[in-house]
C-alpha atoms as a PDB file:
ATOM      1  CA  MET A   1      21.980 -19.205 -16.874  1.00  0.00           C
ATOM      2  CA  LYS A   2      21.148 -22.302 -18.145  1.00  0.00           C
ATOM      3  CA  ILE A   3      17.204 -22.164 -18.775  1.00  0.00           C
ATOM      4  CA  ILE A   4      15.447 -25.295 -20.154  1.00  0.00           C
ATOM      5  CA  SER A   5      11.782 -26.230 -20.950  1.00  0.00           C
ATOM      6  CA  MET A   6      10.286 -29.314 -19.696  1.00  0.00           C
ATOM      7  CA  ILE A   7       6.638 -30.546 -20.990  1.00  0.00           C
ATOM      8  CA  PRO A   8       5.107 -33.004 -18.685  1.00  0.00           C
ATOM      9  CA  ALA A   9       2.813 -35.237 -20.540  1.00  0.00           C
ATOM     10  CA  ARG A  10       0.337 -37.828 -19.218  1.00  0.00           C
ATOM     11  CA  TYR A  11      -1.589 -39.821 -21.335  1.00  0.00           C
ATOM     12  CA  ALA A  12      -4.471 -40.808 -18.892  1.00  0.00           C
ATOM     13  CA  ALA A  13      -5.919 -37.352 -18.681  1.00  0.00           C
ATOM     14  CA  SER A  14      -9.094 -37.501 -16.380  1.00  0.00           C
ATOM     15  CA  ARG A  15     -11.262 -35.150 -18.670  1.00  0.00           C
ATOM     16  CA  PHE A  16      -9.963 -36.107 -21.825  1.00  0.00           C
ATOM     17  CA  PRO A  17      -8.090 -39.449 -21.809  1.00  0.00           C
ATOM     18  CA  GLY A  18      -5.581 -39.692 -24.718  1.00  0.00           C
ATOM     19  CA  LYS A  19      -6.012 -35.995 -25.751  1.00  0.00           C
ATOM     20  CA  LEU A  20      -2.092 -35.401 -26.394  1.00  0.00           C
ATOM     21  CA  MET A  21      -2.027 -37.891 -28.874  1.00  0.00           C
ATOM     22  CA  GLN A  22      -5.135 -36.417 -30.733  1.00  0.00           C
ATOM     23  CA  ASP A  23      -4.817 -35.183 -34.389  1.00  0.00           C
ATOM     24  CA  LEU A  24      -4.060 -31.447 -34.493  1.00  0.00           C
ATOM     25  CA  GLY A  25      -3.533 -30.567 -38.478  1.00  0.00           C
ATOM     26  CA  GLY A  26      -1.874 -33.800 -39.387  1.00  0.00           C
ATOM     27  CA  LYS A  27       0.223 -33.835 -36.013  1.00  0.00           C
ATOM     28  CA  THR A  28      -0.261 -34.675 -32.716  1.00  0.00           C
ATOM     29  CA  VAL A  29      -1.315 -32.663 -29.872  1.00  0.00           C
ATOM     30  CA  ILE A  30       1.948 -33.358 -27.962  1.00  0.00           C
ATOM     31  CA  LEU A  31       4.075 -33.219 -31.087  1.00  0.00           C
ATOM     32  CA  ARG A  32       2.815 -29.822 -31.954  1.00  0.00           C
ATOM     33  CA  THR A  33       3.826 -28.635 -28.342  1.00  0.00           C
ATOM     34  CA  TYR A  34       6.783 -29.890 -28.602  1.00  0.00           C
ATOM     35  CA  GLN A  35       8.063 -28.382 -32.157  1.00  0.00           C
ATOM     36  CA  ALA A  36       6.098 -25.163 -31.222  1.00  0.00           C
ATOM     37  CA  THR A  37       8.187 -24.839 -27.829  1.00  0.00           C
ATOM     38  CA  VAL A  38      11.393 -25.798 -29.635  1.00  0.00           C
ATOM     39  CA  ALA A  39      10.805 -23.142 -32.532  1.00  0.00           C
ATOM     40  CA  THR A  40      10.827 -20.268 -29.994  1.00  0.00           C
ATOM     41  CA  ASN A  41      14.802 -20.559 -29.855  1.00  0.00           C
ATOM     42  CA  LEU A  42      14.568 -19.570 -26.056  1.00  0.00           C
ATOM     43  CA  PHE A  43      15.766 -22.566 -24.392  1.00  0.00           C
ATOM     44  CA  ASP A  44      19.005 -24.423 -24.163  1.00  0.00           C
ATOM     45  CA  ASP A  45      16.898 -27.530 -24.179  1.00  0.00           C
ATOM     46  CA  VAL A  46      13.361 -28.936 -24.654  1.00  0.00           C
ATOM     47  CA  ILE A  47      12.470 -32.303 -23.348  1.00  0.00           C
ATOM     48  CA  VAL A  48       9.061 -34.051 -23.165  1.00  0.00           C
ATOM     49  CA  VAL A  49       8.756 -35.902 -19.848  1.00  0.00           C
ATOM     50  CA  THR A  50       6.010 -38.770 -19.482  1.00  0.00           C
ATOM     51  CA  ASP A  51       4.634 -41.884 -18.161  1.00  0.00           C
ATOM     52  CA  SER A  52       3.351 -43.196 -21.316  1.00  0.00           C
ATOM     53  CA  THR A  53       5.244 -45.283 -23.662  1.00  0.00           C
ATOM     54  CA  ILE A  54       2.700 -44.061 -26.429  1.00  0.00           C
ATOM     55  CA  ILE A  55       3.908 -40.414 -25.805  1.00  0.00           C
ATOM     56  CA  TYR A  56       7.441 -41.508 -25.662  1.00  0.00           C
ATOM     57  CA  ASN A  57       7.954 -43.202 -28.985  1.00  0.00           C
ATOM     58  CA  GLU A  58       5.616 -40.350 -30.612  1.00  0.00           C
ATOM     59  CA  ILE A  59       8.483 -37.787 -29.607  1.00  0.00           C
ATOM     60  CA  ALA A  60      11.312 -40.050 -30.124  1.00  0.00           C
ATOM     61  CA  SER A  61      10.169 -41.088 -33.578  1.00  0.00           C
ATOM     62  CA  ASN A  62       9.822 -38.021 -34.655  1.00  0.00           C
ATOM     63  CA  GLY A  63      13.594 -36.875 -33.573  1.00  0.00           C
ATOM     64  CA  GLY A  64      12.636 -35.014 -30.451  1.00  0.00           C
ATOM     65  CA  LYS A  65      13.983 -35.196 -26.854  1.00  0.00           C
ATOM     66  CA  VAL A  66      11.827 -37.152 -24.239  1.00  0.00           C
ATOM     67  CA  MET A  67      12.199 -38.854 -20.755  1.00  0.00           C
ATOM     68  CA  MET A  68      10.082 -41.641 -19.090  1.00  0.00           C
ATOM     69  CA  SER A  69       9.147 -40.586 -15.505  1.00  0.00           C
ATOM     70  CA  LYS A  70      10.362 -43.604 -13.031  1.00  0.00           C
ATOM     71  CA  LYS A  71       7.209 -42.866 -10.831  1.00  0.00           C
ATOM     72  CA  GLU A  72       3.661 -42.343 -10.564  1.00  0.00           C
ATOM     73  CA  HIS A  73       2.991 -38.697  -9.989  1.00  0.00           C
ATOM     74  CA  ASP A  74       0.075 -36.518  -8.968  1.00  0.00           C
ATOM     75  CA  CYS A  75       1.268 -33.408 -10.644  1.00  0.00           C
ATOM     76  CA  GLY A  76       3.276 -32.058 -13.373  1.00  0.00           C
ATOM     77  CA  SER A  77       5.601 -30.451 -10.879  1.00  0.00           C
ATOM     78  CA  ASP A  78       6.554 -33.762  -9.315  1.00  0.00           C
ATOM     79  CA  ARG A  79       7.272 -35.116 -12.658  1.00  0.00           C
ATOM     80  CA  ILE A  80       9.677 -32.215 -13.663  1.00  0.00           C
ATOM     81  CA  ALA A  81      11.368 -32.517 -10.394  1.00  0.00           C
ATOM     82  CA  GLU A  82      12.291 -35.893 -10.594  1.00  0.00           C
ATOM     83  CA  ALA A  83      13.601 -35.304 -14.542  1.00  0.00           C
ATOM     84  CA  VAL A  84      15.734 -32.141 -13.345  1.00  0.00           C
ATOM     85  CA  GLU A  85      17.313 -33.472 -10.265  1.00  0.00           C
ATOM     86  CA  ASN A  86      20.415 -34.598 -11.687  1.00  0.00           C
ATOM     87  CA  LEU A  87      20.432 -32.031 -14.390  1.00  0.00           C
ATOM     88  CA  ASP A  88      22.748 -29.001 -14.398  1.00  0.00           C
ATOM     89  CA  ILE A  89      20.272 -26.389 -14.804  1.00  0.00           C
ATOM     90  CA  ASP A  90      19.221 -22.964 -13.054  1.00  0.00           C
ATOM     91  CA  VAL A  91      15.682 -22.450 -14.283  1.00  0.00           C
ATOM     92  CA  VAL A  92      13.092 -24.733 -15.941  1.00  0.00           C
ATOM     93  CA  ILE A  93       9.723 -23.550 -17.509  1.00  0.00           C
ATOM     94  CA  ASN A  94       6.812 -25.950 -17.719  1.00  0.00           C
ATOM     95  CA  VAL A  95       5.086 -25.574 -20.780  1.00  0.00           C
ATOM     96  CA  GLN A  96       1.803 -27.520 -20.733  1.00  0.00           C
ATOM     97  CA  GLY A  97       1.448 -30.414 -23.268  1.00  0.00           C
ATOM     98  CA  ASP A  98      -1.951 -29.533 -24.016  1.00  0.00           C
ATOM     99  CA  GLU A  99      -1.185 -26.006 -25.176  1.00  0.00           C
ATOM    100  CA  PRO A 100       0.141 -26.212 -28.763  1.00  0.00           C
ATOM    101  CA  PHE A 101      -0.400 -22.577 -29.405  1.00  0.00           C
ATOM    102  CA  THR A 102       2.882 -21.879 -27.514  1.00  0.00           C
ATOM    103  CA  ASP A 103       3.148 -17.726 -27.190  1.00  0.00           C
ATOM    104  CA  LYS A 104       6.978 -16.744 -27.376  1.00  0.00           C
ATOM    105  CA  GLU A 105       6.686 -13.345 -26.234  1.00  0.00           C
ATOM    106  CA  SER A 106       4.959 -14.530 -22.816  1.00  0.00           C
ATOM    107  CA  LEU A 107       7.857 -17.129 -22.576  1.00  0.00           C
ATOM    108  CA  LYS A 108      10.286 -14.360 -22.692  1.00  0.00           C
ATOM    109  CA  LYS A 109       8.708 -12.285 -20.316  1.00  0.00           C
ATOM    110  CA  LEU A 110       8.907 -15.097 -17.604  1.00  0.00           C
ATOM    111  CA  ILE A 111      12.545 -15.613 -18.587  1.00  0.00           C
ATOM    112  CA  ALA A 112      13.151 -11.958 -17.968  1.00  0.00           C
ATOM    113  CA  VAL A 113      11.735 -12.481 -14.446  1.00  0.00           C
ATOM    114  CA  PHE A 114      15.089 -14.340 -13.692  1.00  0.00           C
ATOM    115  CA  LYS A 115      17.477 -12.712 -15.723  1.00  0.00           C
ATOM    116  CA  ASN A 116      16.674  -9.413 -14.219  1.00  0.00           C
ATOM    117  CA  ASP A 117      16.433 -11.080 -10.350  1.00  0.00           C
ATOM    118  CA  VAL A 118      19.706 -10.289  -9.344  1.00  0.00           C
ATOM    119  CA  ASP A 119      19.279 -11.029  -5.632  1.00  0.00           C
ATOM    120  CA  LYS A 120      17.319 -14.094  -6.256  1.00  0.00           C
ATOM    121  CA  GLN A 121      14.237 -12.959  -4.555  1.00  0.00           C
ATOM    122  CA  VAL A 122      11.985 -15.004  -6.788  1.00  0.00           C
ATOM    123  CA  ASP A 123      11.353 -18.744  -6.634  1.00  0.00           C
ATOM    124  CA  LEU A 124       8.886 -19.242  -9.228  1.00  0.00           C
ATOM    125  CA  ALA A 125       7.210 -17.061 -11.904  1.00  0.00           C
ATOM    126  CA  SER A 126       4.074 -17.758 -14.085  1.00  0.00           C
ATOM    127  CA  LEU A 127       1.391 -16.202 -16.048  1.00  0.00           C
ATOM    128  CA  MET A 128      -2.146 -14.496 -15.686  1.00  0.00           C
ATOM    129  CA  VAL A 129      -4.527 -12.445 -17.978  1.00  0.00           C
ATOM    130  CA  HIS A 130      -6.986  -9.905 -17.016  1.00  0.00           C
ATOM    131  CA  ILE A 131     -10.383 -11.283 -17.194  1.00  0.00           C
ATOM    132  CA  LYS A 132     -13.669  -9.346 -17.400  1.00  0.00           C
ATOM    133  CA  ASP A 133     -16.450 -11.981 -18.032  1.00  0.00           C
ATOM    134  CA  GLU A 134     -18.417 -12.686 -14.955  1.00  0.00           C
ATOM    135  CA  ASP A 135     -19.375 -16.438 -15.883  1.00  0.00           C
ATOM    136  CA  GLU A 136     -15.536 -16.718 -16.266  1.00  0.00           C
ATOM    137  CA  ILE A 137     -14.760 -15.137 -12.830  1.00  0.00           C
ATOM    138  CA  ASN A 138     -17.289 -17.187 -11.086  1.00  0.00           C
ATOM    139  CA  ASN A 139     -16.237 -20.538 -12.934  1.00  0.00           C
ATOM    140  CA  PRO A 140     -14.358 -23.010 -10.663  1.00  0.00           C
ATOM    141  CA  ASN A 141     -12.305 -24.335 -13.755  1.00  0.00           C
ATOM    142  CA  THR A 142     -10.897 -20.936 -14.056  1.00  0.00           C
ATOM    143  CA  VAL A 143      -8.183 -20.425 -11.253  1.00  0.00           C
ATOM    144  CA  LYS A 144      -8.001 -16.701 -10.280  1.00  0.00           C
ATOM    145  CA  VAL A 145      -4.791 -15.336  -8.420  1.00  0.00           C
ATOM    146  CA  VAL A 146      -4.700 -11.775  -6.439  1.00  0.00           C
ATOM    147  CA  ILE A 147      -1.238 -10.300  -6.281  1.00  0.00           C
ATOM    148  CA  ASP A 148       0.217  -7.742  -4.062  1.00  0.00           C
ATOM    149  CA  GLN A 149       1.772  -4.353  -5.252  1.00  0.00           C
ATOM    150  CA  SER A 150       4.883  -5.732  -6.759  1.00  0.00           C
ATOM    151  CA  ASP A 151       2.818  -8.432  -8.704  1.00  0.00           C
ATOM    152  CA  PHE A 152       3.996 -11.401  -6.146  1.00  0.00           C
ATOM    153  CA  ALA A 153       0.883 -14.075  -5.660  1.00  0.00           C
ATOM    154  CA  LEU A 154      -0.872 -13.406  -2.535  1.00  0.00           C
ATOM    155  CA  TYR A 155      -3.342 -16.492  -3.372  1.00  0.00           C
ATOM    156  CA  PHE A 156      -4.728 -18.845  -5.949  1.00  0.00           C
ATOM    157  CA  SER A 157      -8.204 -19.894  -5.737  1.00  0.00           C
ATOM    158  CA  ARG A 158     -11.200 -21.583  -7.614  1.00  0.00           C
ATOM    159  CA  SER A 159     -13.395 -18.829  -6.056  1.00  0.00           C
ATOM    160  CA  PRO A 160     -13.749 -15.354  -7.323  1.00  0.00           C
ATOM    161  CA  ILE A 161     -11.200 -13.591  -5.328  1.00  0.00           C
ATOM    162  CA  PRO A 162     -11.368 -10.958  -4.316  1.00  0.00           C
ATOM    163  CA  TYR A 163     -15.086 -11.399  -3.430  1.00  0.00           C
ATOM    164  CA  PRO A 164     -16.868  -8.601  -4.815  1.00  0.00           C
ATOM    165  CA  ARG A 165     -18.595  -7.271  -1.848  1.00  0.00           C
ATOM    166  CA  ALA A 166     -18.318  -3.716  -3.101  1.00  0.00           C
ATOM    167  CA  LYS A 167     -18.850  -3.196  -6.581  1.00  0.00           C
ATOM    168  CA  ASN A 168     -17.500   0.274  -7.543  1.00  0.00           C
ATOM    169  CA  VAL A 169     -13.889  -0.235  -6.072  1.00  0.00           C
ATOM    170  CA  GLY A 170     -12.081  -0.946  -9.531  1.00  0.00           C
ATOM    171  CA  ALA A 171     -11.220  -4.521  -8.253  1.00  0.00           C
ATOM    172  CA  LYS A 172      -9.214  -6.577 -11.031  1.00  0.00           C
ATOM    173  CA  TYR A 173      -9.831 -10.484 -11.689  1.00  0.00           C
ATOM    174  CA  TYR A 174      -6.752 -12.410 -13.135  1.00  0.00           C
ATOM    175  CA  LYS A 175      -6.906 -15.849 -14.645  1.00  0.00           C
ATOM    176  CA  HIS A 176      -3.907 -17.807 -13.872  1.00  0.00           C
ATOM    177  CA  LYS A 177      -2.329 -19.603 -16.814  1.00  0.00           C
ATOM    178  CA  GLY A 178      -0.504 -22.842 -15.724  1.00  0.00           C
ATOM    179  CA  VAL A 179       2.854 -22.012 -17.349  1.00  0.00           C
ATOM    180  CA  TYR A 180       5.369 -21.935 -14.544  1.00  0.00           C
ATOM    181  CA  ALA A 181       9.068 -20.979 -14.566  1.00  0.00           C
ATOM    182  CA  PHE A 182      11.002 -22.287 -11.628  1.00  0.00           C
ATOM    183  CA  ARG A 183      14.303 -22.300  -9.880  1.00  0.00           C
ATOM    184  CA  LYS A 184      15.790 -25.638  -9.670  1.00  0.00           C
ATOM    185  CA  GLN A 185      15.878 -25.552  -5.896  1.00  0.00           C
ATOM    186  CA  ALA A 186      11.951 -24.181  -5.677  1.00  0.00           C
ATOM    187  CA  ILE A 187      10.783 -27.314  -7.625  1.00  0.00           C
ATOM    188  CA  LEU A 188      12.957 -29.796  -5.874  1.00  0.00           C
ATOM    189  CA  ASP A 189      11.590 -28.386  -2.499  1.00  0.00           C
ATOM    190  CA  PHE A 190       8.058 -28.574  -3.790  1.00  0.00           C
ATOM    191  CA  TYR A 191       8.820 -32.426  -4.658  1.00  0.00           C
ATOM    192  CA  ARG A 192      10.074 -33.216  -1.129  1.00  0.00           C
ATOM    193  CA  LEU A 193       7.431 -31.268   1.055  1.00  0.00           C
ATOM    194  CA  PRO A 194       4.400 -32.683   1.933  1.00  0.00           C
ATOM    195  CA  MET A 195       0.854 -31.220   0.649  1.00  0.00           C
ATOM    196  CA  GLN A 196      -0.952 -29.366   3.171  1.00  0.00           C
ATOM    197  CA  THR A 197      -4.362 -28.327   3.701  1.00  0.00           C
ATOM    198  CA  LEU A 198      -4.999 -25.561   1.418  1.00  0.00           C
ATOM    199  CA  GLU A 199      -3.682 -27.339  -1.778  1.00  0.00           C
ATOM    200  CA  ALA A 200      -5.499 -30.483  -0.680  1.00  0.00           C
ATOM    201  CA  SER A 201      -9.043 -28.396  -0.460  1.00  0.00           C
ATOM    202  CA  GLU A 202      -8.495 -26.418  -3.698  1.00  0.00           C
ATOM    203  CA  LYS A 203      -6.785 -28.948  -5.641  1.00  0.00           C
ATOM    204  CA  LEU A 204      -4.261 -26.509  -6.612  1.00  0.00           C
ATOM    205  CA  GLU A 205      -0.856 -27.617  -6.671  1.00  0.00           C
ATOM    206  CA  GLN A 206       0.751 -23.900  -6.754  1.00  0.00           C
ATOM    207  CA  LEU A 207      -0.693 -23.162  -3.160  1.00  0.00           C
ATOM    208  CA  ARG A 208       1.841 -25.868  -1.621  1.00  0.00           C
ATOM    209  CA  TYR A 209       4.657 -23.213  -2.888  1.00  0.00           C
ATOM    210  CA  LEU A 210       3.009 -20.168  -0.839  1.00  0.00           C
ATOM    211  CA  GLU A 211       2.305 -22.488   2.113  1.00  0.00           C
ATOM    212  CA  TYR A 212       6.048 -23.125   2.604  1.00  0.00           C
ATOM    213  CA  GLY A 213       6.885 -19.502   1.934  1.00  0.00           C
ATOM    214  CA  LYS A 214       8.022 -19.642  -1.829  1.00  0.00           C
ATOM    215  CA  ARG A 215       7.441 -16.424  -3.854  1.00  0.00           C
ATOM    216  CA  ILE A 216       5.606 -16.510  -6.787  1.00  0.00           C
ATOM    217  CA  LYS A 217       6.135 -13.503  -9.260  1.00  0.00           C
ATOM    218  CA  MET A 218       3.090 -13.194 -11.661  1.00  0.00           C
ATOM    219  CA  VAL A 219       3.198 -11.629 -15.201  1.00  0.00           C
ATOM    220  CA  GLU A 220       0.566 -10.307 -16.870  1.00  0.00           C
ATOM    221  CA  THR A 221      -0.079 -11.306 -20.774  1.00  0.00           C
ATOM    222  CA  ASP A 222      -2.730 -10.781 -22.769  1.00  0.00           C
ATOM    223  CA  VAL A 223      -2.510 -13.935 -24.788  1.00  0.00           C
ATOM    224  CA  GLU A 224      -5.187 -16.683 -23.700  1.00  0.00           C
ATOM    225  CA  GLY A 225      -4.159 -19.549 -25.998  1.00  0.00           C
ATOM    226  CA  VAL A 226      -6.201 -22.842 -26.194  1.00  0.00           C
ATOM    227  CA  GLU A 227      -5.813 -25.635 -23.506  1.00  0.00           C
ATOM    228  CA  ILE A 228      -7.061 -28.583 -24.625  1.00  0.00           C
ATOM    229  CA  ASP A 229      -9.055 -30.137 -21.952  1.00  0.00           C
ATOM    230  CA  THR A 230     -12.128 -31.589 -23.419  1.00  0.00           C
ATOM    231  CA  PRO A 231     -13.106 -32.696 -27.293  1.00  0.00           C
ATOM    232  CA  GLU A 232     -14.597 -29.244 -27.647  1.00  0.00           C
ATOM    233  CA  ASP A 233     -11.355 -27.657 -27.036  1.00  0.00           C
ATOM    234  CA  LEU A 234     -10.026 -29.756 -29.694  1.00  0.00           C
ATOM    235  CA  GLU A 235     -12.375 -28.623 -32.267  1.00  0.00           C
ATOM    236  CA  ARG A 236     -11.776 -24.974 -31.394  1.00  0.00           C
ATOM    237  CA  ALA A 237      -8.183 -25.926 -31.484  1.00  0.00           C
ATOM    238  CA  LYS A 238      -8.497 -27.335 -35.050  1.00  0.00           C
ATOM    239  CA  ARG A 239     -10.416 -24.133 -36.258  1.00  0.00           C
ATOM    240  CA  LEU A 240      -7.676 -21.746 -34.928  1.00  0.00           C
ATOM    241  CA  TRP A 241      -4.994 -23.882 -36.697  1.00  0.00           C
ATOM    242  CA  LYS A 242      -6.553 -23.823 -39.926  1.00  0.00           C
END
């Protein structure tokens, strides 16, 4: 089984433009992320895929592997699908370019899902973290996921799910972390299928997979990491790096 990692990297992020080129301990965020992913030694290859010549040159000039996207894309999945279409691979893991604190153990758990899936029942795998803080549960920027008894995703939402009408039933809340592992065919199918109403409403690309019947296996991790979405996140990352 050939497993690679791809790191989609847009320069023009809406909330924090140019964030991937910000300094983090003497190197850019995107270079830190790339080098941390390579250092896990889990992948047959690690490739940054970007629409930006600035990011392309940053990775290439530091000896890394990088590809230019041929088109504009609405989401990271589309960018990866274009990049892997003609590659001989089985599984691709999407590591977010704004997460320089790559967690090896969580990535190993995602890889294990496919190695143990002999009947190929899993189309995608992704990570989730148990959350208890009510502000986070109700925050629309925190994407929540509900799962079935076999840990397959039932739904993702920016709303608190399940809705806590009954407070004493022991419902657990899970935050979805945007690290995905795809079978190659699943991500190519995504690329070719039009957006439906759930994805359009919630602005969550993973809902397209559910709407078309793909099965997403969720893997629990206790590592939250740091996603650099704002200047404040960057300052927190700098403190952690030290």
